[in-house]
Amino acid sequence: MIHKRFWLPLMLCAGAVLALVPALASADGMTLTLGTTAHLIAGVEVDVPITVSCAPLPPPSFGTVFDMSTVQVEEAVGKAIAHGQGFVPVVPCDGASHTVTSVVIADTSSPPFKKGQAVVTQAFAEFCVNTPTGGVCDSAGSAPVAIAIKR
């Protein structure tokens, strides 16, 4: 669930990216795999391990790889739901697997996270480059995945 205060910036960012990339093509080769154990820091941060692999992208004609991504975690805490959002760090699209950490920060309108079971309700990443003929992207997502939050 994306908190409503994130919708406008998210839509503006998506619009800006689409304006920069007149024609998107897919490199068709990205995978995104979530770890099953996350690390809790001070109740407000959950570090979720993610393994990402993407097919090689062509060299960009200008700039570098740009991305759009989101990782959302929800956890039942008493009668409330702790929730937060993070991002998938950019990895080299070289065909190899890269394990990175998504830092998910608890939303201030929810209770803090705690040790226990949670769900990554959404994980999505898209890495793109601009080329002379348009943009080329790799993208992948994950179905909801149960994780154990540990200290």
N, C-alpha and C. Protein backbone atom coordinates (compact mmCIF):
# COMPACT_ATOMS: atom_id res chain seq x y z
N MET A 1 0.83 -1.17 0.00
CA MET A 1 0.00 0.00 0.00
C MET A 1 0.88 1.24 0.00
N ILE A 2 0.72 2.09 -0.99
CA ILE A 2 1.47 3.34 -1.02
C ILE A 2 0.65 4.37 -0.27
N HIS A 3 1.27 5.01 0.68
CA HIS A 3 0.61 6.04 1.45
C HIS A 3 0.22 7.17 0.51
N LYS A 4 -0.94 7.78 0.73
CA LYS A 4 -1.45 8.76 -0.22
C LYS A 4 -0.53 9.96 -0.40
N ARG A 5 0.32 10.28 0.57
CA ARG A 5 1.21 11.42 0.39
C ARG A 5 2.33 11.11 -0.60
N PHE A 6 2.53 9.83 -0.94
CA PHE A 6 3.55 9.45 -1.90
C PHE A 6 3.04 9.44 -3.33
N TRP A 7 1.72 9.47 -3.56
CA TRP A 7 1.17 9.35 -4.91
C TRP A 7 1.61 10.48 -5.82
N LEU A 8 1.46 11.72 -5.37
CA LEU A 8 1.79 12.85 -6.24
C LEU A 8 3.27 12.85 -6.63
N PRO A 9 4.21 12.75 -5.67
CA PRO A 9 5.61 12.70 -6.11
C PRO A 9 5.91 11.50 -7.00
N LEU A 10 5.29 10.36 -6.71
CA LEU A 10 5.52 9.17 -7.53
C LEU A 10 5.02 9.40 -8.95
N MET A 11 3.85 9.99 -9.09
CA MET A 11 3.29 10.24 -10.43
C MET A 11 4.12 11.29 -11.17
N LEU A 12 4.59 12.32 -10.46
CA LEU A 12 5.42 13.34 -11.10
C LEU A 12 6.74 12.73 -11.57
N CYS A 13 7.32 11.87 -10.74
CA CYS A 13 8.57 11.20 -11.12
C CYS A 13 8.35 10.31 -12.34
N ALA A 14 7.28 9.54 -12.33
CA ALA A 14 6.99 8.65 -13.45
C ALA A 14 6.78 9.47 -14.73
N GLY A 15 6.08 10.60 -14.62
CA GLY A 15 5.86 11.45 -15.78
C GLY A 15 7.16 12.02 -16.31
N ALA A 16 8.06 12.42 -15.41
CA ALA A 16 9.35 12.95 -15.84
C ALA A 16 10.19 11.89 -16.54
N VAL A 17 10.16 10.68 -16.02
CA VAL A 17 10.92 9.60 -16.64
C VAL A 17 10.36 9.29 -18.01
N LEU A 18 9.04 9.22 -18.13
CA LEU A 18 8.44 8.93 -19.42
C LEU A 18 8.72 10.03 -20.44
N ALA A 19 8.81 11.27 -19.97
CA ALA A 19 9.13 12.36 -20.89
C ALA A 19 10.56 12.25 -21.40
N LEU A 20 11.46 11.72 -20.58
CA LEU A 20 12.86 11.56 -21.00
C LEU A 20 13.05 10.39 -21.95
N VAL A 21 12.14 9.44 -21.90
CA VAL A 21 12.30 8.22 -22.69
C VAL A 21 11.16 8.14 -23.70
N PRO A 22 11.39 8.59 -24.93
CA PRO A 22 10.31 8.64 -25.90
C PRO A 22 9.80 7.28 -26.33
N ALA A 23 10.66 6.30 -26.43
CA ALA A 23 10.22 4.97 -26.84
C ALA A 23 10.97 3.95 -25.99
N LEU A 24 10.24 3.19 -25.20
CA LEU A 24 10.88 2.21 -24.33
C LEU A 24 10.91 0.84 -24.99
N ALA A 25 12.03 0.19 -24.89
CA ALA A 25 12.15 -1.20 -25.32
C ALA A 25 12.60 -1.99 -24.11
N SER A 26 12.35 -3.26 -24.10
CA SER A 26 12.75 -4.09 -22.98
C SER A 26 13.93 -4.95 -23.36
N ALA A 27 14.85 -5.09 -22.41
CA ALA A 27 15.98 -6.00 -22.61
C ALA A 27 15.58 -7.42 -22.20
N ASP A 28 14.38 -7.58 -21.63
CA ASP A 28 13.81 -8.89 -21.28
C ASP A 28 14.78 -9.83 -20.59
N GLY A 29 15.19 -9.50 -19.40
CA GLY A 29 16.08 -10.42 -18.74
C GLY A 29 16.37 -10.08 -17.31
N MET A 30 15.42 -9.53 -16.57
CA MET A 30 15.68 -9.13 -15.19
C MET A 30 14.95 -10.06 -14.24
N THR A 31 15.61 -10.42 -13.15
CA THR A 31 14.96 -11.16 -12.07
C THR A 31 15.18 -10.41 -10.77
N LEU A 32 14.23 -10.55 -9.87
CA LEU A 32 14.28 -9.90 -8.57
C LEU A 32 13.82 -10.95 -7.55
N THR A 33 14.71 -11.35 -6.63
CA THR A 33 14.40 -12.38 -5.65
C THR A 33 14.59 -11.80 -4.25
N LEU A 34 13.57 -11.93 -3.42
CA LEU A 34 13.63 -11.40 -2.07
C LEU A 34 14.17 -12.43 -1.10
N GLY A 35 14.98 -11.98 -0.14
CA GLY A 35 15.43 -12.85 0.93
C GLY A 35 14.27 -13.11 1.88
N THR A 36 14.39 -14.12 2.71
CA THR A 36 13.30 -14.46 3.63
C THR A 36 13.54 -13.94 5.05
N THR A 37 14.72 -13.36 5.30
CA THR A 37 15.03 -12.80 6.62
C THR A 37 15.50 -11.37 6.44
N ALA A 38 14.90 -10.45 7.20
CA ALA A 38 15.27 -9.04 7.15
C ALA A 38 15.84 -8.64 8.50
N HIS A 39 16.58 -7.55 8.54
CA HIS A 39 17.26 -7.09 9.74
C HIS A 39 16.56 -5.84 10.27
N LEU A 40 16.20 -5.83 11.55
CA LEU A 40 15.51 -4.71 12.19
C LEU A 40 16.52 -3.79 12.85
N ILE A 41 16.38 -2.50 12.62
CA ILE A 41 17.23 -1.51 13.26
C ILE A 41 16.35 -0.47 13.94
N ALA A 42 16.41 -0.45 15.27
CA ALA A 42 15.73 0.56 16.10
C ALA A 42 14.23 0.67 15.87
N GLY A 43 13.60 -0.35 15.32
CA GLY A 43 12.15 -0.33 15.13
C GLY A 43 11.68 0.48 13.94
N VAL A 44 12.56 1.29 13.36
CA VAL A 44 12.13 2.15 12.26
C VAL A 44 12.70 1.76 10.91
N GLU A 45 13.67 0.84 10.91
CA GLU A 45 14.30 0.44 9.65
C GLU A 45 14.31 -1.08 9.55
N VAL A 46 13.89 -1.56 8.39
CA VAL A 46 13.97 -2.99 8.07
C VAL A 46 14.82 -3.11 6.82
N ASP A 47 15.94 -3.83 6.93
CA ASP A 47 16.84 -4.04 5.79
C ASP A 47 16.49 -5.36 5.13
N VAL A 48 15.98 -5.28 3.91
CA VAL A 48 15.51 -6.46 3.17
C VAL A 48 16.55 -6.82 2.11
N PRO A 49 17.11 -8.04 2.17
CA PRO A 49 18.04 -8.44 1.12
C PRO A 49 17.30 -8.81 -0.17
N ILE A 50 17.85 -8.35 -1.28
CA ILE A 50 17.25 -8.60 -2.59
C ILE A 50 18.36 -8.98 -3.56
N THR A 51 18.15 -10.06 -4.30
CA THR A 51 19.10 -10.45 -5.33
C THR A 51 18.51 -10.04 -6.68
N VAL A 52 19.29 -9.28 -7.43
CA VAL A 52 18.84 -8.75 -8.72
C VAL A 52 19.82 -9.20 -9.80
N SER A 53 19.27 -9.63 -10.91
CA SER A 53 20.07 -9.95 -12.08
C SER A 53 19.36 -9.35 -13.28
N CYS A 54 20.11 -8.68 -14.14
CA CYS A 54 19.48 -8.13 -15.34
C CYS A 54 20.41 -8.31 -16.53
N ALA A 55 19.77 -8.48 -17.68
CA ALA A 55 20.50 -8.65 -18.93
C ALA A 55 21.29 -7.38 -19.21
N PRO A 56 22.39 -7.49 -19.92
CA PRO A 56 23.16 -6.29 -20.25
C PRO A 56 22.33 -5.26 -21.00
N LEU A 57 22.46 -4.02 -20.57
CA LEU A 57 21.82 -2.90 -21.25
C LEU A 57 22.86 -2.25 -22.16
N PRO A 58 22.43 -1.64 -23.26
CA PRO A 58 23.40 -0.96 -24.14
C PRO A 58 24.00 0.25 -23.41
N PRO A 59 25.16 0.71 -23.85
CA PRO A 59 25.74 1.90 -23.24
C PRO A 59 24.79 3.09 -23.43
N PRO A 60 24.62 3.90 -22.40
CA PRO A 60 23.73 5.06 -22.55
C PRO A 60 24.34 6.11 -23.47
N SER A 61 23.49 6.79 -24.23
CA SER A 61 23.99 7.84 -25.12
C SER A 61 24.28 9.11 -24.32
N PHE A 62 23.64 9.27 -23.19
CA PHE A 62 23.96 10.37 -22.27
C PHE A 62 23.46 9.95 -20.90
N GLY A 63 24.08 10.49 -19.88
CA GLY A 63 23.67 10.17 -18.52
C GLY A 63 24.07 8.76 -18.13
N THR A 64 23.40 8.25 -17.14
CA THR A 64 23.68 6.90 -16.64
C THR A 64 22.37 6.13 -16.54
N VAL A 65 22.44 4.97 -15.95
CA VAL A 65 21.24 4.16 -15.74
C VAL A 65 20.31 4.92 -14.79
N PHE A 66 19.04 4.98 -15.11
CA PHE A 66 18.08 5.55 -14.18
C PHE A 66 17.08 4.47 -13.82
N ASP A 67 16.44 4.64 -12.67
CA ASP A 67 15.57 3.58 -12.20
C ASP A 67 14.31 4.13 -11.56
N MET A 68 13.34 3.24 -11.49
CA MET A 68 12.14 3.44 -10.70
C MET A 68 11.97 2.14 -9.92
N SER A 69 11.79 2.23 -8.63
CA SER A 69 11.65 1.02 -7.84
C SER A 69 10.91 1.30 -6.56
N THR A 70 10.38 0.24 -5.97
CA THR A 70 9.73 0.35 -4.67
C THR A 70 9.77 -0.99 -3.97
N VAL A 71 9.90 -0.95 -2.67
CA VAL A 71 9.79 -2.12 -1.82
C VAL A 71 8.93 -1.68 -0.63
N GLN A 72 7.85 -2.43 -0.38
CA GLN A 72 6.95 -2.08 0.71
C GLN A 72 6.82 -3.26 1.66
N VAL A 73 6.90 -2.96 2.96
CA VAL A 73 6.79 -3.99 4.00
C VAL A 73 5.64 -3.63 4.92
N GLU A 74 4.86 -4.64 5.30
CA GLU A 74 3.78 -4.47 6.27
C GLU A 74 3.89 -5.57 7.32
N GLU A 75 3.58 -5.19 8.58
CA GLU A 75 3.67 -6.13 9.69
C GLU A 75 2.57 -5.83 10.70
N ALA A 76 1.86 -6.87 11.13
CA ALA A 76 0.85 -6.71 12.18
C ALA A 76 1.57 -6.46 13.50
N VAL A 77 1.22 -5.35 14.14
CA VAL A 77 1.79 -4.99 15.44
C VAL A 77 0.60 -4.70 16.35
N GLY A 78 0.23 -5.67 17.18
CA GLY A 78 -0.98 -5.53 17.98
C GLY A 78 -2.18 -5.46 17.06
N LYS A 79 -2.98 -4.42 17.22
CA LYS A 79 -4.15 -4.25 16.35
C LYS A 79 -3.89 -3.27 15.21
N ALA A 80 -2.64 -2.88 15.04
CA ALA A 80 -2.28 -1.93 13.99
C ALA A 80 -1.36 -2.61 12.97
N ILE A 81 -1.10 -1.90 11.91
CA ILE A 81 -0.20 -2.39 10.86
C ILE A 81 0.97 -1.42 10.74
N ALA A 82 2.17 -1.94 11.02
CA ALA A 82 3.38 -1.17 10.75
C ALA A 82 3.65 -1.28 9.25
N HIS A 83 4.02 -0.19 8.63
CA HIS A 83 4.31 -0.25 7.20
C HIS A 83 5.37 0.78 6.84
N GLY A 84 6.07 0.48 5.78
CA GLY A 84 7.10 1.39 5.32
C GLY A 84 7.48 1.10 3.89
N GLN A 85 8.29 1.98 3.35
CA GLN A 85 8.66 1.88 1.94
C GLN A 85 10.15 2.14 1.76
N GLY A 86 10.74 1.45 0.80
CA GLY A 86 12.15 1.65 0.44
C GLY A 86 12.30 1.49 -1.05
N PHE A 87 13.54 1.34 -1.50
CA PHE A 87 13.85 1.26 -2.92
C PHE A 87 14.84 0.14 -3.19
N VAL A 88 14.90 -0.29 -4.43
CA VAL A 88 15.89 -1.28 -4.85
C VAL A 88 17.08 -0.51 -5.41
N PRO A 89 18.27 -0.65 -4.78
CA PRO A 89 19.44 0.05 -5.32
C PRO A 89 19.77 -0.43 -6.74
N VAL A 90 20.28 0.48 -7.55
CA VAL A 90 20.68 0.14 -8.93
C VAL A 90 21.87 -0.81 -8.88
N VAL A 91 21.82 -1.83 -9.71
CA VAL A 91 22.94 -2.77 -9.84
C VAL A 91 23.41 -2.75 -11.30
N PRO A 92 24.63 -3.21 -11.55
CA PRO A 92 25.07 -3.29 -12.94
C PRO A 92 24.23 -4.32 -13.70
N CYS A 93 23.77 -3.98 -14.85
CA CYS A 93 23.05 -4.94 -15.69
C CYS A 93 24.10 -5.64 -16.57
N ASP A 94 24.64 -6.72 -15.99
CA ASP A 94 25.72 -7.44 -16.65
C ASP A 94 25.46 -8.94 -16.73
N GLY A 95 24.24 -9.36 -16.42
CA GLY A 95 23.89 -10.77 -16.46
C GLY A 95 24.22 -11.52 -15.18
N ALA A 96 25.01 -10.93 -14.29
CA ALA A 96 25.37 -11.58 -13.02
C ALA A 96 24.34 -11.24 -11.94
N SER A 97 24.30 -12.06 -10.90
CA SER A 97 23.43 -11.80 -9.75
C SER A 97 24.14 -10.88 -8.76
N HIS A 98 23.41 -9.89 -8.28
CA HIS A 98 23.95 -8.93 -7.31
C HIS A 98 22.99 -8.88 -6.12
N THR A 99 23.50 -9.09 -4.92
CA THR A 99 22.66 -8.99 -3.73
C THR A 99 22.85 -7.61 -3.13
N VAL A 100 21.73 -6.91 -2.94
CA VAL A 100 21.71 -5.56 -2.40
C VAL A 100 20.75 -5.51 -1.22
N THR A 101 20.74 -4.40 -0.52
CA THR A 101 19.85 -4.24 0.62
C THR A 101 18.90 -3.08 0.34
N SER A 102 17.60 -3.36 0.46
CA SER A 102 16.61 -2.30 0.39
C SER A 102 16.35 -1.84 1.82
N VAL A 103 16.58 -0.57 2.07
CA VAL A 103 16.35 0.01 3.39
C VAL A 103 14.91 0.53 3.42
N VAL A 104 14.07 -0.16 4.19
CA VAL A 104 12.65 0.20 4.30
C VAL A 104 12.47 0.96 5.61
N ILE A 105 11.98 2.18 5.51
CA ILE A 105 11.79 3.02 6.68
C ILE A 105 10.31 3.04 7.06
N ALA A 106 10.02 2.85 8.35
CA ALA A 106 8.64 2.84 8.83
C ALA A 106 7.99 4.20 8.58
N ASP A 107 6.75 4.17 8.16
CA ASP A 107 5.97 5.38 7.99
C ASP A 107 5.68 5.94 9.39
N THR A 108 5.80 7.25 9.55
CA THR A 108 5.59 7.86 10.86
C THR A 108 4.14 7.77 11.34
N SER A 109 3.21 7.46 10.43
CA SER A 109 1.81 7.32 10.83
C SER A 109 1.48 5.91 11.31
N SER A 110 2.48 5.02 11.32
CA SER A 110 2.24 3.65 11.75
C SER A 110 3.12 3.34 12.96
N PRO A 111 2.81 2.24 13.66
CA PRO A 111 3.68 1.87 14.77
C PRO A 111 5.04 1.41 14.25
N PRO A 112 6.02 1.33 15.14
CA PRO A 112 7.33 0.83 14.69
C PRO A 112 7.27 -0.65 14.35
N PHE A 113 8.20 -1.08 13.51
CA PHE A 113 8.34 -2.51 13.23
C PHE A 113 8.86 -3.20 14.48
N LYS A 114 8.68 -4.53 14.54
CA LYS A 114 9.21 -5.32 15.64
C LYS A 114 9.70 -6.65 15.08
N LYS A 115 10.39 -7.42 15.92
CA LYS A 115 10.80 -8.76 15.50
C LYS A 115 9.54 -9.58 15.25
N GLY A 116 9.57 -10.42 14.22
CA GLY A 116 8.42 -11.27 13.93
C GLY A 116 8.23 -11.45 12.44
N GLN A 117 7.03 -11.85 12.09
CA GLN A 117 6.68 -12.10 10.69
C GLN A 117 6.10 -10.85 10.05
N ALA A 118 6.49 -10.61 8.81
CA ALA A 118 5.97 -9.48 8.03
C ALA A 118 5.81 -9.95 6.59
N VAL A 119 5.31 -9.06 5.77
CA VAL A 119 5.13 -9.37 4.35
C VAL A 119 5.69 -8.23 3.52
N VAL A 120 6.52 -8.59 2.54
CA VAL A 120 6.90 -7.62 1.52
C VAL A 120 5.72 -7.63 0.55
N THR A 121 4.89 -6.60 0.63
CA THR A 121 3.66 -6.59 -0.16
C THR A 121 3.90 -6.18 -1.60
N GLN A 122 5.00 -5.47 -1.84
CA GLN A 122 5.32 -5.07 -3.21
C GLN A 122 6.83 -4.91 -3.34
N ALA A 123 7.37 -5.44 -4.41
CA ALA A 123 8.77 -5.22 -4.76
C ALA A 123 8.83 -5.14 -6.28
N PHE A 124 9.35 -4.02 -6.77
CA PHE A 124 9.42 -3.79 -8.21
C PHE A 124 10.66 -2.96 -8.51
N ALA A 125 11.32 -3.26 -9.59
CA ALA A 125 12.46 -2.46 -10.03
C ALA A 125 12.47 -2.39 -11.55
N GLU A 126 12.88 -1.24 -12.06
CA GLU A 126 13.07 -1.04 -13.50
C GLU A 126 14.30 -0.17 -13.68
N PHE A 127 15.27 -0.68 -14.42
CA PHE A 127 16.49 0.06 -14.73
C PHE A 127 16.49 0.37 -16.22
N CYS A 128 16.78 1.61 -16.59
CA CYS A 128 16.70 2.04 -17.98
C CYS A 128 17.92 2.87 -18.38
N VAL A 129 18.20 2.89 -19.66
CA VAL A 129 19.21 3.78 -20.24
C VAL A 129 18.61 4.45 -21.46
N ASN A 130 19.09 5.65 -21.76
CA ASN A 130 18.71 6.35 -22.99
C ASN A 130 19.71 5.98 -24.07
N THR A 131 19.21 5.67 -25.26
CA THR A 131 20.05 5.39 -26.41
C THR A 131 19.63 6.31 -27.54
N PRO A 132 20.38 6.38 -28.62
CA PRO A 132 19.98 7.25 -29.73
C PRO A 132 18.60 6.91 -30.30
N THR A 133 18.15 5.66 -30.15
CA THR A 133 16.85 5.27 -30.70
C THR A 133 15.74 5.24 -29.66
N GLY A 134 16.02 5.65 -28.45
CA GLY A 134 15.01 5.65 -27.38
C GLY A 134 15.56 4.99 -26.14
N GLY A 135 14.67 4.66 -25.22
CA GLY A 135 15.09 4.04 -23.96
C GLY A 135 15.01 2.53 -24.03
N VAL A 136 15.91 1.88 -23.30
CA VAL A 136 15.89 0.43 -23.15
C VAL A 136 15.85 0.14 -21.67
N CYS A 137 14.94 -0.75 -21.27
CA CYS A 137 14.74 -1.02 -19.85
C CYS A 137 14.72 -2.51 -19.54
N ASP A 138 15.10 -2.83 -18.33
CA ASP A 138 14.90 -4.15 -17.74
C ASP A 138 14.03 -3.93 -16.52
N SER A 139 13.04 -4.80 -16.29
CA SER A 139 12.21 -4.65 -15.11
C SER A 139 11.78 -6.01 -14.60
N ALA A 140 11.45 -6.03 -13.30
CA ALA A 140 10.98 -7.26 -12.67
C ALA A 140 10.23 -6.87 -11.39
N GLY A 141 9.38 -7.78 -10.97
CA GLY A 141 8.64 -7.57 -9.73
C GLY A 141 8.51 -8.88 -9.00
N SER A 142 7.95 -8.82 -7.82
CA SER A 142 7.77 -10.00 -7.00
C SER A 142 6.36 -10.03 -6.45
N ALA A 143 5.82 -11.22 -6.35
CA ALA A 143 4.55 -11.39 -5.64
C ALA A 143 4.81 -11.17 -4.16
N PRO A 144 3.77 -10.94 -3.34
CA PRO A 144 4.01 -10.79 -1.90
C PRO A 144 4.77 -11.99 -1.33
N VAL A 145 5.72 -11.68 -0.43
CA VAL A 145 6.59 -12.69 0.16
C VAL A 145 6.64 -12.49 1.68
N ALA A 146 6.44 -13.57 2.43
CA ALA A 146 6.57 -13.52 3.88
C ALA A 146 8.05 -13.46 4.26
N ILE A 147 8.38 -12.60 5.21
CA ILE A 147 9.76 -12.50 5.70
C ILE A 147 9.77 -12.56 7.22
N ALA A 148 10.88 -12.97 7.77
CA ALA A 148 11.09 -12.93 9.21
C ALA A 148 11.94 -11.72 9.52
N ILE A 149 11.46 -10.85 10.41
CA ILE A 149 12.24 -9.68 10.82
C ILE A 149 12.98 -10.08 12.10
N LYS A 150 14.30 -9.96 12.05
CA LYS A 150 15.16 -10.30 13.18
C LYS A 150 16.05 -9.13 13.52
N ARG A 151 16.56 -9.11 14.73
CA ARG A 151 17.50 -8.05 15.14
C ARG A 151 18.87 -8.34 14.64
